[in-house]
Amino acid sequence: MRASTTLLNGSEERIDEGTTSHAEQVVRKLREADRLLGEGFELPDVLRELEVSEATYHRWRAQYGGMKADVVKRLEEFEAENAKLKRIAADQMLDIEGLKEQTRTSRASAAACAMSCSPSSCSPARPRRVC
């Protein structure tokens, strides 16, 4: 989804929703909002100019506050790496659980096999069969 905004200074700002540069563009919009508020514009006018709701503005302010674009970029990189590591850890946990289950079933079947062999059918000359 692509949105375009023409700011009071005449420049045009494009926000591509869902891209990694979205946060950097949000930081730019917050800086623009600070500039406009500093020039004496009221908050509703600034929000209308930036084409965002008051709730979105406050959420962005809480999330990106005083961050600069380079810090936001590093944060996004860390978040992406963290998500990747969480997926790897989850996959490993599934593998471990699968191996535990496999071990439990193989032990149970080995115990059942040992119970089914009678002492007379398992002579010392003939090794026990493995089930």
C-alpha atoms as a PDB file:
ATOM      1  CA  MET A   1       0.000   0.000   0.000  1.00  0.00           C
ATOM      2  CA  ARG A   2       1.433   3.375  -0.945  1.00  0.00           C
ATOM      3  CA  ALA A   3       0.318   6.697   0.489  1.00  0.00           C
ATOM      4  CA  SER A   4       1.452  10.130  -0.588  1.00  0.00           C
ATOM      5  CA  THR A   5       1.393  13.289   1.506  1.00  0.00           C
ATOM      6  CA  THR A   6       2.166  16.849   0.456  1.00  0.00           C
ATOM      7  CA  LEU A   7       3.614  18.684   3.429  1.00  0.00           C
ATOM      8  CA  LEU A   8       3.260  22.390   4.295  1.00  0.00           C
ATOM      9  CA  ASN A   9       6.735  23.077   2.966  1.00  0.00           C
ATOM     10  CA  GLY A  10       5.623  21.782  -0.465  1.00  0.00           C
ATOM     11  CA  SER A  11       7.619  18.540  -0.407  1.00  0.00           C
ATOM     12  CA  GLU A  12       5.892  15.246  -1.051  1.00  0.00           C
ATOM     13  CA  GLU A  13       6.326  12.358   1.381  1.00  0.00           C
ATOM     14  CA  ARG A  14       5.606   8.780   0.324  1.00  0.00           C
ATOM     15  CA  ILE A  15       5.042   6.031   2.854  1.00  0.00           C
ATOM     16  CA  ASP A  16       5.200   2.461   1.658  1.00  0.00           C
ATOM     17  CA  GLU A  17       3.294   0.455   4.238  1.00  0.00           C
ATOM     18  CA  GLY A  18       4.921  -2.837   5.142  1.00  0.00           C
ATOM     19  CA  THR A  19       8.447  -1.954   4.048  1.00  0.00           C
ATOM     20  CA  THR A  20      11.470  -1.758   6.300  1.00  0.00           C
ATOM     21  CA  SER A  21      11.843   1.947   5.569  1.00  0.00           C
ATOM     22  CA  HIS A  22       8.398   2.627   7.064  1.00  0.00           C
ATOM     23  CA  ALA A  23       9.871   3.334  10.504  1.00  0.00           C
ATOM     24  CA  GLU A  24      12.392   5.762   9.051  1.00  0.00           C
ATOM     25  CA  GLN A  25       9.566   7.598   7.293  1.00  0.00           C
ATOM     26  CA  VAL A  26       7.606   7.682  10.557  1.00  0.00           C
ATOM     27  CA  VAL A  27      10.603   9.300  12.264  1.00  0.00           C
ATOM     28  CA  ARG A  28      10.724  11.891   9.476  1.00  0.00           C
ATOM     29  CA  LYS A  29       7.017  12.592   9.959  1.00  0.00           C
ATOM     30  CA  LEU A  30       7.524  12.984  13.699  1.00  0.00           C
ATOM     31  CA  ARG A  31      10.341  15.458  13.073  1.00  0.00           C
ATOM     32  CA  GLU A  32       8.082  17.329  10.654  1.00  0.00           C
ATOM     33  CA  ALA A  33       5.351  17.365  13.324  1.00  0.00           C
ATOM     34  CA  ASP A  34       7.819  18.769  15.871  1.00  0.00           C
ATOM     35  CA  ARG A  35       8.857  21.465  13.410  1.00  0.00           C
ATOM     36  CA  LEU A  36       5.255  22.432  12.663  1.00  0.00           C
ATOM     37  CA  LEU A  37       4.318  22.455  16.337  1.00  0.00           C
ATOM     38  CA  GLY A  38       7.365  24.640  16.991  1.00  0.00           C
ATOM     39  CA  GLU A  39       6.138  27.059  14.325  1.00  0.00           C
ATOM     40  CA  GLY A  40       2.912  27.472  16.259  1.00  0.00           C
ATOM     41  CA  PHE A  41       0.527  25.140  14.435  1.00  0.00           C
ATOM     42  CA  GLU A  42      -2.042  23.380  16.590  1.00  0.00           C
ATOM     43  CA  LEU A  43      -1.846  19.574  16.929  1.00  0.00           C
ATOM     44  CA  PRO A  44      -5.079  18.882  14.980  1.00  0.00           C
ATOM     45  CA  ASP A  45      -3.745  20.964  12.069  1.00  0.00           C
ATOM     46  CA  VAL A  46      -0.422  19.125  12.132  1.00  0.00           C
ATOM     47  CA  LEU A  47      -2.139  15.744  12.221  1.00  0.00           C
ATOM     48  CA  ARG A  48      -4.357  16.707   9.318  1.00  0.00           C
ATOM     49  CA  GLU A  49      -1.281  17.879   7.396  1.00  0.00           C
ATOM     50  CA  LEU A  50       0.539  14.606   8.061  1.00  0.00           C
ATOM     51  CA  GLU A  51      -2.638  12.607   7.348  1.00  0.00           C
ATOM     52  CA  VAL A  52      -2.491  10.575  10.539  1.00  0.00           C
ATOM     53  CA  SER A  53      -4.944  10.114  13.376  1.00  0.00           C
ATOM     54  CA  GLU A  54      -4.220  11.364  16.852  1.00  0.00           C
ATOM     55  CA  ALA A  55      -3.994   7.770  18.101  1.00  0.00           C
ATOM     56  CA  THR A  56      -1.422   6.919  15.415  1.00  0.00           C
ATOM     57  CA  TYR A  57       0.576  10.039  16.224  1.00  0.00           C
ATOM     58  CA  HIS A  58       0.721   9.185  19.936  1.00  0.00           C
ATOM     59  CA  ARG A  59       1.559   5.529  19.205  1.00  0.00           C
ATOM     60  CA  TRP A  60       4.384   6.623  16.907  1.00  0.00           C
ATOM     61  CA  ARG A  61       5.570   9.150  19.492  1.00  0.00           C
ATOM     62  CA  ALA A  62       5.642   6.453  22.188  1.00  0.00           C
ATOM     63  CA  GLN A  63       7.356   3.912  19.930  1.00  0.00           C
ATOM     64  CA  TYR A  64       9.866   6.076  18.056  1.00  0.00           C
ATOM     65  CA  GLY A  65      10.035   9.116  20.385  1.00  0.00           C
ATOM     66  CA  GLY A  66      13.370  10.832  20.021  1.00  0.00           C
ATOM     67  CA  MET A  67      15.002   8.234  17.804  1.00  0.00           C
ATOM     68  CA  LYS A  68      16.917   9.154  14.701  1.00  0.00           C
ATOM     69  CA  ALA A  69      16.577   7.312  11.399  1.00  0.00           C
ATOM     70  CA  ASP A  70      19.864   5.384  11.797  1.00  0.00           C
ATOM     71  CA  VAL A  71      18.866   4.163  15.271  1.00  0.00           C
ATOM     72  CA  VAL A  72      15.486   3.047  13.937  1.00  0.00           C
ATOM     73  CA  LYS A  73      17.205   1.152  11.134  1.00  0.00           C
ATOM     74  CA  ARG A  74      19.443  -0.663  13.635  1.00  0.00           C
ATOM     75  CA  LEU A  75      16.415  -1.419  15.812  1.00  0.00           C
ATOM     76  CA  GLU A  76      14.611  -2.975  12.846  1.00  0.00           C
ATOM     77  CA  GLU A  77      17.673  -5.057  12.002  1.00  0.00           C
ATOM     78  CA  PHE A  78      17.850  -6.310  15.602  1.00  0.00           C
ATOM     79  CA  GLU A  79      14.139  -7.110  15.600  1.00  0.00           C
ATOM     80  CA  ALA A  80      14.476  -9.063  12.337  1.00  0.00           C
ATOM     81  CA  GLU A  81      17.464 -10.993  13.696  1.00  0.00           C
ATOM     82  CA  ASN A  82      15.608 -11.671  16.942  1.00  0.00           C
ATOM     83  CA  ALA A  83      12.597 -13.035  15.035  1.00  0.00           C
ATOM     84  CA  LYS A  84      14.902 -15.289  12.998  1.00  0.00           C
ATOM     85  CA  LEU A  85      16.592 -16.598  16.157  1.00  0.00           C
ATOM     86  CA  LYS A  86      13.205 -17.242  17.788  1.00  0.00           C
ATOM     87  CA  ARG A  87      12.150 -19.317  14.755  1.00  0.00           C
ATOM     88  CA  ILE A  88      15.391 -21.301  14.947  1.00  0.00           C
ATOM     89  CA  ALA A  89      14.900 -21.915  18.687  1.00  0.00           C
ATOM     90  CA  ALA A  90      11.293 -23.018  18.117  1.00  0.00           C
ATOM     91  CA  ASP A  91      12.415 -25.434  15.379  1.00  0.00           C
ATOM     92  CA  GLN A  92      15.059 -26.871  17.693  1.00  0.00           C
ATOM     93  CA  MET A  93      12.503 -27.347  20.462  1.00  0.00           C
ATOM     94  CA  LEU A  94      10.247 -29.221  18.029  1.00  0.00           C
ATOM     95  CA  ASP A  95      13.178 -31.414  16.988  1.00  0.00           C
ATOM     96  CA  ILE A  96      14.005 -32.146  20.634  1.00  0.00           C
ATOM     97  CA  GLU A  97      10.401 -33.049  21.429  1.00  0.00           C
ATOM     98  CA  GLY A  98      10.281 -35.324  18.380  1.00  0.00           C
ATOM     99  CA  LEU A  99      13.464 -37.098  19.451  1.00  0.00           C
ATOM    100  CA  LYS A 100      12.126 -37.509  23.003  1.00  0.00           C
ATOM    101  CA  GLU A 101       8.907 -39.019  21.663  1.00  0.00           C
ATOM    102  CA  GLN A 102      10.862 -41.297  19.357  1.00  0.00           C
ATOM    103  CA  THR A 103      13.015 -42.448  22.292  1.00  0.00           C
ATOM    104  CA  ARG A 104       9.942 -43.107  24.452  1.00  0.00           C
ATOM    105  CA  THR A 105       8.264 -45.226  21.753  1.00  0.00           C
ATOM    106  CA  SER A 106      11.451 -47.179  20.973  1.00  0.00           C
ATOM    107  CA  ARG A 107      11.982 -47.916  24.686  1.00  0.00           C
ATOM    108  CA  ALA A 108       8.374 -49.030  25.031  1.00  0.00           C
ATOM    109  CA  SER A 109       8.629 -51.326  22.019  1.00  0.00           C
ATOM    110  CA  ALA A 110      11.942 -52.760  23.289  1.00  0.00           C
ATOM    111  CA  ALA A 111      10.348 -53.480  26.670  1.00  0.00           C
ATOM    112  CA  ALA A 112       7.381 -55.140  24.958  1.00  0.00           C
ATOM    113  CA  CYS A 113       9.748 -57.257  22.862  1.00  0.00           C
ATOM    114  CA  ALA A 114      11.676 -58.337  25.974  1.00  0.00           C
ATOM    115  CA  MET A 115       8.423 -59.310  27.679  1.00  0.00           C
ATOM    116  CA  SER A 116       7.287 -61.377  24.705  1.00  0.00           C
ATOM    117  CA  CYS A 117      10.434 -63.506  24.586  1.00  0.00           C
ATOM    118  CA  SER A 118      10.092 -66.530  26.849  1.00  0.00           C
ATOM    119  CA  PRO A 119      13.253 -67.840  28.524  1.00  0.00           C
ATOM    120  CA  SER A 120      12.890 -71.177  26.724  1.00  0.00           C
ATOM    121  CA  SER A 121      12.783 -69.550  23.280  1.00  0.00           C
ATOM    122  CA  CYS A 122      15.885 -67.463  23.958  1.00  0.00           C
ATOM    123  CA  SER A 123      18.689 -69.973  24.315  1.00  0.00           C
ATOM    124  CA  PRO A 124      22.238 -68.810  25.065  1.00  0.00           C
ATOM    125  CA  ALA A 125      23.398 -70.272  21.756  1.00  0.00           C
ATOM    126  CA  ARG A 126      20.862 -68.192  19.864  1.00  0.00           C
ATOM    127  CA  PRO A 127      20.989 -64.415  20.508  1.00  0.00           C
ATOM    128  CA  ARG A 128      17.784 -62.610  21.301  1.00  0.00           C
ATOM    129  CA  ARG A 129      16.025 -61.089  18.380  1.00  0.00           C
ATOM    130  CA  VAL A 130      15.771 -57.347  18.223  1.00  0.00           C
ATOM    131  CA  CYS A 131      12.273 -56.038  17.592  1.00  0.00           C
END
